[in-house]
Amino acid sequence: MNKPDSKKYVISRGIDDFLMDINKAYKFIMLFFKDVFKRPFHLREIIHQSYEIGIRSLGLITLTGFIIGIVFTKQSRPALEDFGATSWLPSLIGIAVIRALGPLVTALISAGKIGSGIGAELGSMRVTEQIDAMEVSAINPFKYLVVTRVMATTIAIPILSFYCSFVGLLGSYFNVHAHESIGLISYYQHAFSSISFLDISGSAVKAVVYGFTIGIVGAYKGFNATQGTRGVGKAANEAVVLSIFLIFIEELAIVQVINFIRYF
């Protein structure tokens, strides 16, 4: 086989593998939607996973949200001071944090922490044949391991997202309060004065989509891990990279839809 034919073969093989992965992922997602409405629902496991995801991420979300609020306020103040419009600062921060920064920052942190954790956990169970053992024990491993974790991320990440937004506004308040005499309640009233129901519902939709994406990608990569312990690390890494990539695409698509509705 000459060099041109070899290159064509490699390209063709790469395209075939990519299309097979797409088809495999599609079947994985369809199986999730098929099983999510079937009994048993494993509510106890869903609550447990939601609790673990929320509590373990709370400290990092708090610190990140608070710092983002302070930094974004510091960066925005000079530009508004040039126009004598520092009174608009709470409204500006409220729009930026609630519309975009809160859901997006929470999703990116969760992709790195939660997505990799799910991928590594399920990957480890796969390569150590624990998932095969569950099938022998008449337990549906997909239902118990995948569905519960995807549902948990879909529930917990929207809650973390709104919490991150609240903490971000709190961090912004401390910076504003250091320069102007303004009360906390008055600050939040100004911050929410420019926020509409569409902004809040749009942020909620974003967070739900991001949560589902992080859960399903992490579960897919972990559940289909191969190559022993090396495959566990690979599954965790791919879960993070693919989740972040999809989150940015979803952010762009959802913003376009929301803007269309806003100006329709």
C-alpha atoms as a PDB file:
ATOM      1  CA  MET A   1       0.000   0.000   0.000  1.00  0.00           C
ATOM      2  CA  ASN A   2       1.532   3.341  -1.115  1.00  0.00           C
ATOM      3  CA  LYS A   3       1.553   6.514   0.975  1.00  0.00           C
ATOM      4  CA  PRO A   4      -1.492   8.277  -0.575  1.00  0.00           C
ATOM      5  CA  ASP A   5      -3.599   5.130  -0.143  1.00  0.00           C
ATOM      6  CA  SER A   6      -2.368   4.805   3.442  1.00  0.00           C
ATOM      7  CA  LYS A   7      -3.423   8.398   4.237  1.00  0.00           C
ATOM      8  CA  LYS A   8      -6.831   7.848   2.651  1.00  0.00           C
ATOM      9  CA  TYR A   9      -7.256   4.696   4.728  1.00  0.00           C
ATOM     10  CA  VAL A  10      -6.399   6.524   7.960  1.00  0.00           C
ATOM     11  CA  ILE A  11      -8.796   9.380   7.165  1.00  0.00           C
ATOM     12  CA  SER A  12     -11.551   6.955   6.179  1.00  0.00           C
ATOM     13  CA  ARG A  13     -11.000   4.917   9.342  1.00  0.00           C
ATOM     14  CA  GLY A  14     -11.113   8.074  11.447  1.00  0.00           C
ATOM     15  CA  ILE A  15     -14.408   9.158   9.879  1.00  0.00           C
ATOM     16  CA  ASP A  16     -15.882   5.685  10.398  1.00  0.00           C
ATOM     17  CA  ASP A  17     -14.835   5.658  14.061  1.00  0.00           C
ATOM     18  CA  PHE A  18     -16.287   9.130  14.579  1.00  0.00           C
ATOM     19  CA  LEU A  19     -19.628   8.186  13.045  1.00  0.00           C
ATOM     20  CA  MET A  20     -19.723   4.964  15.082  1.00  0.00           C
ATOM     21  CA  ASP A  21     -19.087   6.974  18.260  1.00  0.00           C
ATOM     22  CA  ILE A  22     -21.932   9.343  17.343  1.00  0.00           C
ATOM     23  CA  ASN A  23     -24.259   6.407  16.792  1.00  0.00           C
ATOM     24  CA  LYS A  24     -23.169   4.782  20.067  1.00  0.00           C
ATOM     25  CA  ALA A  25     -23.705   8.024  21.984  1.00  0.00           C
ATOM     26  CA  TYR A  26     -27.141   8.458  20.380  1.00  0.00           C
ATOM     27  CA  LYS A  27     -28.196   4.973  21.465  1.00  0.00           C
ATOM     28  CA  PHE A  28     -26.834   5.669  24.969  1.00  0.00           C
ATOM     29  CA  ILE A  29     -28.920   8.847  25.278  1.00  0.00           C
ATOM     30  CA  MET A  30     -32.035   7.166  23.896  1.00  0.00           C
ATOM     31  CA  LEU A  31     -31.600   4.336  26.393  1.00  0.00           C
ATOM     32  CA  PHE A  32     -31.456   6.923  29.171  1.00  0.00           C
ATOM     33  CA  PHE A  33     -34.762   8.508  28.125  1.00  0.00           C
ATOM     34  CA  LYS A  34     -36.259   5.039  27.826  1.00  0.00           C
ATOM     35  CA  ASP A  35     -35.158   3.915  31.289  1.00  0.00           C
ATOM     36  CA  VAL A  36     -35.731   7.173  33.163  1.00  0.00           C
ATOM     37  CA  PHE A  37     -39.500   6.637  33.143  1.00  0.00           C
ATOM     38  CA  LYS A  38     -39.338   2.944  34.075  1.00  0.00           C
ATOM     39  CA  ARG A  39     -39.581   1.467  37.546  1.00  0.00           C
ATOM     40  CA  PRO A  40     -37.727   1.195  39.855  1.00  0.00           C
ATOM     41  CA  PHE A  41     -36.830   4.885  40.073  1.00  0.00           C
ATOM     42  CA  HIS A  42     -34.090   4.545  42.742  1.00  0.00           C
ATOM     43  CA  LEU A  43     -35.138   7.835  44.373  1.00  0.00           C
ATOM     44  CA  ARG A  44     -32.911   7.190  47.362  1.00  0.00           C
ATOM     45  CA  GLU A  45     -29.849   6.924  45.098  1.00  0.00           C
ATOM     46  CA  ILE A  46     -30.841  10.038  43.139  1.00  0.00           C
ATOM     47  CA  ILE A  47     -31.165  12.022  46.380  1.00  0.00           C
ATOM     48  CA  HIS A  48     -27.854  10.622  47.611  1.00  0.00           C
ATOM     49  CA  GLN A  49     -26.046  11.547  44.392  1.00  0.00           C
ATOM     50  CA  SER A  50     -27.644  15.012  44.343  1.00  0.00           C
ATOM     51  CA  TYR A  51     -26.531  15.568  47.924  1.00  0.00           C
ATOM     52  CA  GLU A  52     -22.996  14.392  47.181  1.00  0.00           C
ATOM     53  CA  ILE A  53     -22.727  16.569  44.078  1.00  0.00           C
ATOM     54  CA  GLY A  54     -24.130  19.629  45.824  1.00  0.00           C
ATOM     55  CA  ILE A  55     -22.253  19.430  49.117  1.00  0.00           C
ATOM     56  CA  ARG A  56     -18.888  18.491  47.613  1.00  0.00           C
ATOM     57  CA  SER A  57     -19.063  21.368  45.146  1.00  0.00           C
ATOM     58  CA  LEU A  58     -20.454  23.990  47.514  1.00  0.00           C
ATOM     59  CA  GLY A  59     -17.129  25.298  48.822  1.00  0.00           C
ATOM     60  CA  LEU A  60     -15.562  25.663  45.378  1.00  0.00           C
ATOM     61  CA  ILE A  61     -18.707  27.266  43.929  1.00  0.00           C
ATOM     62  CA  THR A  62     -18.874  29.702  46.852  1.00  0.00           C
ATOM     63  CA  LEU A  63     -15.257  30.792  46.519  1.00  0.00           C
ATOM     64  CA  THR A  64     -15.382  31.074  42.731  1.00  0.00           C
ATOM     65  CA  GLY A  65     -18.686  32.944  42.626  1.00  0.00           C
ATOM     66  CA  PHE A  66     -17.587  35.399  45.317  1.00  0.00           C
ATOM     67  CA  ILE A  67     -14.293  36.160  43.551  1.00  0.00           C
ATOM     68  CA  ILE A  68     -15.990  36.563  40.166  1.00  0.00           C
ATOM     69  CA  GLY A  69     -18.413  39.082  41.670  1.00  0.00           C
ATOM     70  CA  ILE A  70     -15.587  41.154  43.136  1.00  0.00           C
ATOM     71  CA  VAL A  71     -13.330  40.980  40.065  1.00  0.00           C
ATOM     72  CA  PHE A  72     -16.084  41.743  37.557  1.00  0.00           C
ATOM     73  CA  THR A  73     -17.184  44.742  39.628  1.00  0.00           C
ATOM     74  CA  LYS A  74     -13.609  46.047  39.856  1.00  0.00           C
ATOM     75  CA  GLN A  75     -13.164  45.676  36.100  1.00  0.00           C
ATOM     76  CA  SER A  76     -16.494  47.354  35.281  1.00  0.00           C
ATOM     77  CA  ARG A  77     -16.186  50.332  37.646  1.00  0.00           C
ATOM     78  CA  PRO A  78     -13.551  52.367  35.676  1.00  0.00           C
ATOM     79  CA  ALA A  79     -15.579  52.194  32.463  1.00  0.00           C
ATOM     80  CA  LEU A  80     -18.762  53.387  34.192  1.00  0.00           C
ATOM     81  CA  GLU A  81     -16.903  56.109  36.101  1.00  0.00           C
ATOM     82  CA  ASP A  82     -15.822  57.639  32.777  1.00  0.00           C
ATOM     83  CA  PHE A  83     -19.496  58.237  31.988  1.00  0.00           C
ATOM     84  CA  GLY A  84     -20.534  59.097  35.541  1.00  0.00           C
ATOM     85  CA  ALA A  85     -22.773  56.026  35.635  1.00  0.00           C
ATOM     86  CA  THR A  86     -21.497  54.092  38.638  1.00  0.00           C
ATOM     87  CA  SER A  87     -25.086  53.946  39.916  1.00  0.00           C
ATOM     88  CA  TRP A  88     -25.741  51.460  37.115  1.00  0.00           C
ATOM     89  CA  LEU A  89     -23.134  49.081  38.495  1.00  0.00           C
ATOM     90  CA  PRO A  90     -25.552  46.822  40.472  1.00  0.00           C
ATOM     91  CA  SER A  91     -27.815  46.459  37.440  1.00  0.00           C
ATOM     92  CA  LEU A  92     -24.865  45.691  35.169  1.00  0.00           C
ATOM     93  CA  ILE A  93     -23.498  43.051  37.524  1.00  0.00           C
ATOM     94  CA  GLY A  94     -26.960  41.564  38.019  1.00  0.00           C
ATOM     95  CA  ILE A  95     -27.482  41.170  34.275  1.00  0.00           C
ATOM     96  CA  ALA A  96     -24.009  39.727  33.691  1.00  0.00           C
ATOM     97  CA  VAL A  97     -24.056  37.286  36.605  1.00  0.00           C
ATOM     98  CA  ILE A  98     -27.629  36.015  36.313  1.00  0.00           C
ATOM     99  CA  ARG A  99     -27.810  35.854  32.534  1.00  0.00           C
ATOM    100  CA  ALA A 100     -24.399  34.377  31.804  1.00  0.00           C
ATOM    101  CA  LEU A 101     -21.677  34.091  34.428  1.00  0.00           C
ATOM    102  CA  GLY A 102     -23.587  32.169  37.108  1.00  0.00           C
ATOM    103  CA  PRO A 103     -24.739  29.220  34.947  1.00  0.00           C
ATOM    104  CA  LEU A 104     -21.606  29.133  32.795  1.00  0.00           C
ATOM    105  CA  VAL A 105     -19.058  29.276  35.622  1.00  0.00           C
ATOM    106  CA  THR A 106     -20.984  26.662  37.606  1.00  0.00           C
ATOM    107  CA  ALA A 107     -21.112  24.389  34.561  1.00  0.00           C
ATOM    108  CA  LEU A 108     -17.395  24.714  33.842  1.00  0.00           C
ATOM    109  CA  ILE A 109     -16.450  23.988  37.452  1.00  0.00           C
ATOM    110  CA  SER A 110     -18.865  21.057  37.561  1.00  0.00           C
ATOM    111  CA  ALA A 111     -17.525  19.662  34.290  1.00  0.00           C
ATOM    112  CA  GLY A 112     -14.042  19.549  35.758  1.00  0.00           C
ATOM    113  CA  LYS A 113     -15.040  18.249  39.169  1.00  0.00           C
ATOM    114  CA  ILE A 114     -18.277  16.298  38.810  1.00  0.00           C
ATOM    115  CA  GLY A 115     -17.960  15.149  35.198  1.00  0.00           C
ATOM    116  CA  SER A 116     -14.486  13.753  35.724  1.00  0.00           C
ATOM    117  CA  GLY A 117     -15.609  12.124  38.972  1.00  0.00           C
ATOM    118  CA  ILE A 118     -18.499  10.320  37.288  1.00  0.00           C
ATOM    119  CA  GLY A 119     -16.293   9.231  34.402  1.00  0.00           C
ATOM    120  CA  ALA A 120     -13.583   7.923  36.720  1.00  0.00           C
ATOM    121  CA  GLU A 121     -16.037   6.204  39.078  1.00  0.00           C
ATOM    122  CA  LEU A 122     -17.990   4.368  36.387  1.00  0.00           C
ATOM    123  CA  GLY A 123     -14.816   3.671  34.423  1.00  0.00           C
ATOM    124  CA  SER A 124     -13.274   2.047  37.469  1.00  0.00           C
ATOM    125  CA  MET A 125     -16.398  -0.051  37.988  1.00  0.00           C
ATOM    126  CA  ARG A 126     -16.314  -1.103  34.344  1.00  0.00           C
ATOM    127  CA  VAL A 127     -12.664  -2.187  34.211  1.00  0.00           C
ATOM    128  CA  THR A 128     -12.934  -4.022  37.548  1.00  0.00           C
ATOM    129  CA  GLU A 129     -16.030  -5.851  36.230  1.00  0.00           C
ATOM    130  CA  GLN A 130     -18.303  -4.521  38.980  1.00  0.00           C
ATOM    131  CA  ILE A 131     -20.856  -3.511  36.342  1.00  0.00           C
ATOM    132  CA  ASP A 132     -20.810  -7.045  34.914  1.00  0.00           C
ATOM    133  CA  ALA A 133     -21.345  -8.392  38.430  1.00  0.00           C
ATOM    134  CA  MET A 134     -24.432  -6.189  38.812  1.00  0.00           C
ATOM    135  CA  GLU A 135     -25.906  -7.634  35.634  1.00  0.00           C
ATOM    136  CA  VAL A 136     -25.376 -11.164  36.966  1.00  0.00           C
ATOM    137  CA  SER A 137     -27.143 -10.112  40.186  1.00  0.00           C
ATOM    138  CA  ALA A 138     -30.260  -9.138  38.207  1.00  0.00           C
ATOM    139  CA  ILE A 139     -29.659  -5.415  38.798  1.00  0.00           C
ATOM    140  CA  ASN A 140     -29.889  -3.083  35.822  1.00  0.00           C
ATOM    141  CA  PRO A 141     -26.535  -1.248  36.066  1.00  0.00           C
ATOM    142  CA  PHE A 142     -27.535   1.369  33.498  1.00  0.00           C
ATOM    143  CA  LYS A 143     -30.629   2.266  35.466  1.00  0.00           C
ATOM    144  CA  TYR A 144     -28.891   2.284  38.846  1.00  0.00           C
ATOM    145  CA  LEU A 145     -25.579   3.894  37.863  1.00  0.00           C
ATOM    146  CA  VAL A 146     -26.220   6.054  34.816  1.00  0.00           C
ATOM    147  CA  VAL A 147     -29.815   7.255  35.176  1.00  0.00           C
ATOM    148  CA  THR A 148     -29.433   8.194  38.836  1.00  0.00           C
ATOM    149  CA  ARG A 149     -26.235  10.190  38.260  1.00  0.00           C
ATOM    150  CA  VAL A 150     -27.564  12.029  35.219  1.00  0.00           C
ATOM    151  CA  MET A 151     -30.744  12.902  37.104  1.00  0.00           C
ATOM    152  CA  ALA A 152     -28.648  14.088  40.051  1.00  0.00           C
ATOM    153  CA  THR A 153     -26.526  16.432  37.922  1.00  0.00           C
ATOM    154  CA  THR A 154     -29.633  17.720  36.152  1.00  0.00           C
ATOM    155  CA  ILE A 155     -31.179  18.568  39.534  1.00  0.00           C
ATOM    156  CA  ALA A 156     -28.135  19.737  41.503  1.00  0.00           C
ATOM    157  CA  ILE A 157     -26.351  21.944  38.967  1.00  0.00           C
ATOM    158  CA  PRO A 158     -29.293  24.380  38.463  1.00  0.00           C
ATOM    159  CA  ILE A 159     -29.429  24.814  42.247  1.00  0.00           C
ATOM    160  CA  LEU A 160     -25.669  25.407  42.372  1.00  0.00           C
ATOM    161  CA  SER A 161     -25.997  27.825  39.459  1.00  0.00           C
ATOM    162  CA  PHE A 162     -28.483  30.100  41.234  1.00  0.00           C
ATOM    163  CA  TYR A 163     -26.438  29.829  44.411  1.00  0.00           C
ATOM    164  CA  CYS A 164     -23.323  30.886  42.474  1.00  0.00           C
ATOM    165  CA  SER A 165     -25.231  33.884  41.082  1.00  0.00           C
ATOM    166  CA  PHE A 166     -26.361  34.904  44.565  1.00  0.00           C
ATOM    167  CA  VAL A 167     -22.829  34.627  45.974  1.00  0.00           C
ATOM    168  CA  GLY A 168     -21.429  36.499  42.969  1.00  0.00           C
ATOM    169  CA  LEU A 169     -23.811  39.386  43.640  1.00  0.00           C
ATOM    170  CA  LEU A 170     -22.799  39.271  47.303  1.00  0.00           C
ATOM    171  CA  GLY A 171     -19.133  39.612  46.360  1.00  0.00           C
ATOM    172  CA  SER A 172     -20.021  42.504  44.076  1.00  0.00           C
ATOM    173  CA  TYR A 173     -21.947  44.154  46.908  1.00  0.00           C
ATOM    174  CA  PHE A 174     -18.903  44.214  49.182  1.00  0.00           C
ATOM    175  CA  ASN A 175     -16.902  45.964  46.484  1.00  0.00           C
ATOM    176  CA  VAL A 176     -19.666  48.479  45.789  1.00  0.00           C
ATOM    177  CA  HIS A 177     -20.237  49.046  49.506  1.00  0.00           C
ATOM    178  CA  ALA A 178     -16.553  49.879  49.938  1.00  0.00           C
ATOM    179  CA  HIS A 179     -16.959  52.839  47.542  1.00  0.00           C
ATOM    180  CA  GLU A 180     -20.579  53.903  47.990  1.00  0.00           C
ATOM    181  CA  SER A 181     -22.880  53.812  50.983  1.00  0.00           C
ATOM    182  CA  ILE A 182     -25.524  51.295  49.923  1.00  0.00           C
ATOM    183  CA  GLY A 183     -27.408  48.683  51.899  1.00  0.00           C
ATOM    184  CA  LEU A 184     -27.521  45.017  51.000  1.00  0.00           C
ATOM    185  CA  ILE A 185     -31.272  44.975  50.333  1.00  0.00           C
ATOM    186  CA  SER A 186     -31.050  48.154  48.270  1.00  0.00           C
ATOM    187  CA  TYR A 187     -28.177  46.654  46.261  1.00  0.00           C
ATOM    188  CA  TYR A 188     -30.129  43.497  45.430  1.00  0.00           C
ATOM    189  CA  GLN A 189     -33.169  45.585  44.492  1.00  0.00           C
ATOM    190  CA  HIS A 190     -31.056  47.555  42.032  1.00  0.00           C
ATOM    191  CA  ALA A 191     -29.394  44.376  40.749  1.00  0.00           C
ATOM    192  CA  PHE A 192     -32.742  42.728  40.003  1.00  0.00           C
ATOM    193  CA  SER A 193     -34.403  45.861  38.635  1.00  0.00           C
ATOM    194  CA  SER A 194     -33.224  45.036  35.111  1.00  0.00           C
ATOM    195  CA  ILE A 195     -33.783  41.289  35.399  1.00  0.00           C
ATOM    196  CA  SER A 196     -36.857  39.886  33.692  1.00  0.00           C
ATOM    197  CA  PHE A 197     -38.624  36.559  33.987  1.00  0.00           C
ATOM    198  CA  LEU A 198     -37.052  35.588  30.655  1.00  0.00           C
ATOM    199  CA  ASP A 199     -33.572  36.128  32.127  1.00  0.00           C
ATOM    200  CA  ILE A 200     -34.271  33.892  35.124  1.00  0.00           C
ATOM    201  CA  SER A 201     -36.039  31.202  33.117  1.00  0.00           C
ATOM    202  CA  GLY A 202     -33.297  31.321  30.487  1.00  0.00           C
ATOM    203  CA  SER A 203     -30.633  30.821  33.154  1.00  0.00           C
ATOM    204  CA  ALA A 204     -32.628  27.910  34.581  1.00  0.00           C
ATOM    205  CA  VAL A 205     -32.880  26.285  31.144  1.00  0.00           C
ATOM    206  CA  LYS A 206     -29.148  26.743  30.613  1.00  0.00           C
ATOM    207  CA  ALA A 207     -28.325  25.165  33.971  1.00  0.00           C
ATOM    208  CA  VAL A 208     -30.613  22.181  33.352  1.00  0.00           C
ATOM    209  CA  VAL A 209     -29.080  21.590  29.905  1.00  0.00           C
ATOM    210  CA  TYR A 210     -25.556  21.949  31.283  1.00  0.00           C
ATOM    211  CA  GLY A 211     -26.332  19.571  34.154  1.00  0.00           C
ATOM    212  CA  PHE A 212     -27.727  16.949  31.804  1.00  0.00           C
ATOM    213  CA  THR A 213     -24.744  17.329  29.460  1.00  0.00           C
ATOM    214  CA  ILE A 214     -22.187  16.926  32.250  1.00  0.00           C
ATOM    215  CA  GLY A 215     -23.968  13.889  33.659  1.00  0.00           C
ATOM    216  CA  ILE A 216     -24.604  12.082  30.387  1.00  0.00           C
ATOM    217  CA  VAL A 217     -21.107  12.702  28.997  1.00  0.00           C
ATOM    218  CA  GLY A 218     -19.388  11.600  32.202  1.00  0.00           C
ATOM    219  CA  ALA A 219     -21.604   8.518  32.456  1.00  0.00           C
ATOM    220  CA  TYR A 220     -21.118   7.637  28.784  1.00  0.00           C
ATOM    221  CA  LYS A 221     -17.344   7.868  28.926  1.00  0.00           C
ATOM    222  CA  GLY A 222     -17.115   5.956  32.198  1.00  0.00           C
ATOM    223  CA  PHE A 223     -19.679   3.291  31.344  1.00  0.00           C
ATOM    224  CA  ASN A 224     -17.862   2.474  28.095  1.00  0.00           C
ATOM    225  CA  ALA A 225     -14.295   2.665  29.454  1.00  0.00           C
ATOM    226  CA  THR A 226     -11.770   0.094  28.237  1.00  0.00           C
ATOM    227  CA  GLN A 227      -8.021  -0.624  28.491  1.00  0.00           C
ATOM    228  CA  GLY A 228      -7.903  -1.208  32.231  1.00  0.00           C
ATOM    229  CA  THR A 229      -6.747   1.503  34.635  1.00  0.00           C
ATOM    230  CA  ARG A 230      -5.377   3.566  31.762  1.00  0.00           C
ATOM    231  CA  GLY A 231      -8.875   3.702  30.339  1.00  0.00           C
ATOM    232  CA  VAL A 232     -10.214   5.142  33.618  1.00  0.00           C
ATOM    233  CA  GLY A 233      -7.972   8.198  33.355  1.00  0.00           C
ATOM    234  CA  LYS A 234      -8.799   8.535  29.683  1.00  0.00           C
ATOM    235  CA  ALA A 235     -12.538   8.385  30.406  1.00  0.00           C
ATOM    236  CA  ALA A 236     -12.255  11.076  33.096  1.00  0.00           C
ATOM    237  CA  ASN A 237     -10.189  13.354  30.849  1.00  0.00           C
ATOM    238  CA  GLU A 238     -12.467  12.931  27.832  1.00  0.00           C
ATOM    239  CA  ALA A 239     -15.528  13.558  29.997  1.00  0.00           C
ATOM    240  CA  VAL A 240     -14.146  16.967  31.031  1.00  0.00           C
ATOM    241  CA  VAL A 241     -12.984  18.030  27.561  1.00  0.00           C
ATOM    242  CA  LEU A 242     -16.151  16.967  25.758  1.00  0.00           C
ATOM    243  CA  SER A 243     -18.441  18.428  28.431  1.00  0.00           C
ATOM    244  CA  ILE A 244     -16.762  21.843  28.254  1.00  0.00           C
ATOM    245  CA  PHE A 245     -16.838  21.790  24.449  1.00  0.00           C
ATOM    246  CA  LEU A 246     -20.571  20.980  24.407  1.00  0.00           C
ATOM    247  CA  ILE A 247     -21.318  23.547  27.119  1.00  0.00           C
ATOM    248  CA  PHE A 248     -19.881  26.362  24.993  1.00  0.00           C
ATOM    249  CA  ILE A 249     -21.865  25.201  21.968  1.00  0.00           C
ATOM    250  CA  GLU A 250     -25.049  25.005  24.057  1.00  0.00           C
ATOM    251  CA  GLU A 251     -24.343  28.454  25.527  1.00  0.00           C
ATOM    252  CA  LEU A 252     -24.145  29.940  22.043  1.00  0.00           C
ATOM    253  CA  ALA A 253     -27.302  28.159  20.840  1.00  0.00           C
ATOM    254  CA  ILE A 254     -29.404  28.987  23.923  1.00  0.00           C
ATOM    255  CA  VAL A 255     -28.348  32.656  23.879  1.00  0.00           C
ATOM    256  CA  GLN A 256     -29.439  32.894  20.248  1.00  0.00           C
ATOM    257  CA  VAL A 257     -32.836  31.394  21.074  1.00  0.00           C
ATOM    258  CA  ILE A 258     -33.331  33.657  24.108  1.00  0.00           C
ATOM    259  CA  ASN A 259     -32.392  36.766  22.129  1.00  0.00           C
ATOM    260  CA  PHE A 260     -34.808  35.737  19.394  1.00  0.00           C
ATOM    261  CA  ILE A 261     -37.604  35.418  21.966  1.00  0.00           C
ATOM    262  CA  ARG A 262     -36.599  38.680  23.650  1.00  0.00           C
ATOM    263  CA  TYR A 263     -36.801  40.751  20.469  1.00  0.00           C
ATOM    264  CA  PHE A 264     -39.554  38.801  18.726  1.00  0.00           C
END
